[in-house]
Amino acid sequence: MSHDTPHDPHAKLITMANQIAKFMESKPHSEGLEGLSNHINDFWEPRMRRHLFEVLDAGGQGLRPLVVEAATLIRRPAAA
């Protein structure tokens, strides 16, 4: 299933994470990882991070590699 279809509830979230990752990829790798995880931790509400982890836990399809790698630095919210 493609993540650019309007029926995918995570499509917008995947796009947002990938946009941040694309920007952070222009920085040195460790700085990009830190910047990506800090941005998501600081600005994404727990519900958004929960949905991101749903995508990651399902294999991370559609996410840029930097997002997948940064997952260990992103705070996982408690289950809803």
C-alpha atoms as a PDB file:
ATOM      1  CA  MET A   1       0.000   0.000   0.000  1.00  0.00           C
ATOM      2  CA  SER A   2       1.363   3.380  -0.965  1.00  0.00           C
ATOM      3  CA  HIS A   3       1.602   6.141   1.629  1.00  0.00           C
ATOM      4  CA  ASP A   4       0.484   8.826  -0.799  1.00  0.00           C
ATOM      5  CA  THR A   5      -3.124   7.685  -0.971  1.00  0.00           C
ATOM      6  CA  PRO A   6      -5.785   9.706   0.823  1.00  0.00           C
ATOM      7  CA  HIS A   7      -7.037   6.527   2.520  1.00  0.00           C
ATOM      8  CA  ASP A   8      -3.821   6.032   4.481  1.00  0.00           C
ATOM      9  CA  PRO A   9      -4.352   7.606   7.912  1.00  0.00           C
ATOM     10  CA  HIS A  10      -0.590   7.993   8.359  1.00  0.00           C
ATOM     11  CA  ALA A  11       0.204   9.571   4.979  1.00  0.00           C
ATOM     12  CA  LYS A  12       0.435  13.161   6.224  1.00  0.00           C
ATOM     13  CA  LEU A  13       2.490  12.159   9.249  1.00  0.00           C
ATOM     14  CA  ILE A  14       4.931  10.189   7.052  1.00  0.00           C
ATOM     15  CA  THR A  15       5.254  13.185   4.738  1.00  0.00           C
ATOM     16  CA  MET A  16       5.950  15.500   7.674  1.00  0.00           C
ATOM     17  CA  ALA A  17       8.588  13.191   9.180  1.00  0.00           C
ATOM     18  CA  ASN A  18      10.246  12.785   5.794  1.00  0.00           C
ATOM     19  CA  GLN A  19      10.329  16.551   5.192  1.00  0.00           C
ATOM     20  CA  ILE A  20      12.143  17.067   8.490  1.00  0.00           C
ATOM     21  CA  ALA A  21      14.503  14.196   7.689  1.00  0.00           C
ATOM     22  CA  LYS A  22      15.276  15.566   4.224  1.00  0.00           C
ATOM     23  CA  PHE A  23      16.300  18.888   5.759  1.00  0.00           C
ATOM     24  CA  MET A  24      18.369  17.186   8.484  1.00  0.00           C
ATOM     25  CA  GLU A  25      20.171  15.020   5.911  1.00  0.00           C
ATOM     26  CA  SER A  26      22.039  18.149   4.803  1.00  0.00           C
ATOM     27  CA  LYS A  27      23.791  18.213   8.193  1.00  0.00           C
ATOM     28  CA  PRO A  28      26.479  15.886   9.547  1.00  0.00           C
ATOM     29  CA  HIS A  29      24.860  12.528  10.327  1.00  0.00           C
ATOM     30  CA  SER A  30      24.906  12.720  14.145  1.00  0.00           C
ATOM     31  CA  GLU A  31      23.669  16.322  14.069  1.00  0.00           C
ATOM     32  CA  GLY A  32      20.858  15.314  11.701  1.00  0.00           C
ATOM     33  CA  LEU A  33      19.774  12.445  13.958  1.00  0.00           C
ATOM     34  CA  GLU A  34      19.760  14.702  16.981  1.00  0.00           C
ATOM     35  CA  GLY A  35      17.970  17.507  15.141  1.00  0.00           C
ATOM     36  CA  LEU A  36      15.273  15.201  13.798  1.00  0.00           C
ATOM     37  CA  SER A  37      14.596  13.500  17.116  1.00  0.00           C
ATOM     38  CA  ASN A  38      14.686  16.803  19.031  1.00  0.00           C
ATOM     39  CA  HIS A  39      12.211  18.392  16.624  1.00  0.00           C
ATOM     40  CA  ILE A  40       9.756  15.509  16.914  1.00  0.00           C
ATOM     41  CA  ASN A  41      10.161  15.304  20.702  1.00  0.00           C
ATOM     42  CA  ASP A  42       9.722  19.070  21.137  1.00  0.00           C
ATOM     43  CA  PHE A  43       6.968  19.827  18.642  1.00  0.00           C
ATOM     44  CA  TRP A  44       4.934  16.685  18.010  1.00  0.00           C
ATOM     45  CA  GLU A  45       2.176  15.959  20.489  1.00  0.00           C
ATOM     46  CA  PRO A  46       2.059  12.451  21.990  1.00  0.00           C
ATOM     47  CA  ARG A  47      -0.732  11.378  19.618  1.00  0.00           C
ATOM     48  CA  MET A  48       1.425  12.204  16.599  1.00  0.00           C
ATOM     49  CA  ARG A  49       4.419  10.357  18.053  1.00  0.00           C
ATOM     50  CA  ARG A  50       2.160   7.385  18.838  1.00  0.00           C
ATOM     51  CA  HIS A  51       1.075   7.262  15.183  1.00  0.00           C
ATOM     52  CA  LEU A  52       4.694   7.538  14.061  1.00  0.00           C
ATOM     53  CA  PHE A  53       5.576   4.531  16.200  1.00  0.00           C
ATOM     54  CA  GLU A  54       2.656   2.620  14.691  1.00  0.00           C
ATOM     55  CA  VAL A  55       4.312   3.103  11.294  1.00  0.00           C
ATOM     56  CA  LEU A  56       7.762   2.267  12.669  1.00  0.00           C
ATOM     57  CA  ASP A  57       6.514  -0.835  14.480  1.00  0.00           C
ATOM     58  CA  ALA A  58       4.899  -2.025  11.249  1.00  0.00           C
ATOM     59  CA  GLY A  59       8.253  -1.817   9.443  1.00  0.00           C
ATOM     60  CA  GLY A  60       8.582   1.890   8.707  1.00  0.00           C
ATOM     61  CA  GLN A  61       7.358   1.647   5.131  1.00  0.00           C
ATOM     62  CA  GLY A  62       7.523   5.031   3.419  1.00  0.00           C
ATOM     63  CA  LEU A  63       9.838   6.625   5.985  1.00  0.00           C
ATOM     64  CA  ARG A  64      13.274   7.924   5.063  1.00  0.00           C
ATOM     65  CA  PRO A  65      16.118   5.942   6.666  1.00  0.00           C
ATOM     66  CA  LEU A  66      17.043   8.855   8.946  1.00  0.00           C
ATOM     67  CA  VAL A  67      13.570   8.750  10.523  1.00  0.00           C
ATOM     68  CA  VAL A  68      13.874   5.021  11.160  1.00  0.00           C
ATOM     69  CA  GLU A  69      17.343   5.439  12.641  1.00  0.00           C
ATOM     70  CA  ALA A  70      16.243   8.360  14.846  1.00  0.00           C
ATOM     71  CA  ALA A  71      13.410   6.297  16.344  1.00  0.00           C
ATOM     72  CA  THR A  72      15.638   5.205  19.240  1.00  0.00           C
ATOM     73  CA  LEU A  73      15.999   8.875  20.223  1.00  0.00           C
ATOM     74  CA  ILE A  74      12.319   9.763  19.929  1.00  0.00           C
ATOM     75  CA  ARG A  75      10.217   9.503  23.088  1.00  0.00           C
ATOM     76  CA  ARG A  76       7.601   6.784  22.703  1.00  0.00           C
ATOM     77  CA  PRO A  77       4.345   7.953  24.310  1.00  0.00           C
ATOM     78  CA  ALA A  78       2.294   5.698  26.523  1.00  0.00           C
ATOM     79  CA  ALA A  79      -0.428   3.690  24.833  1.00  0.00           C
ATOM     80  CA  ALA A  80      -3.727   5.496  24.397  1.00  0.00           C
END
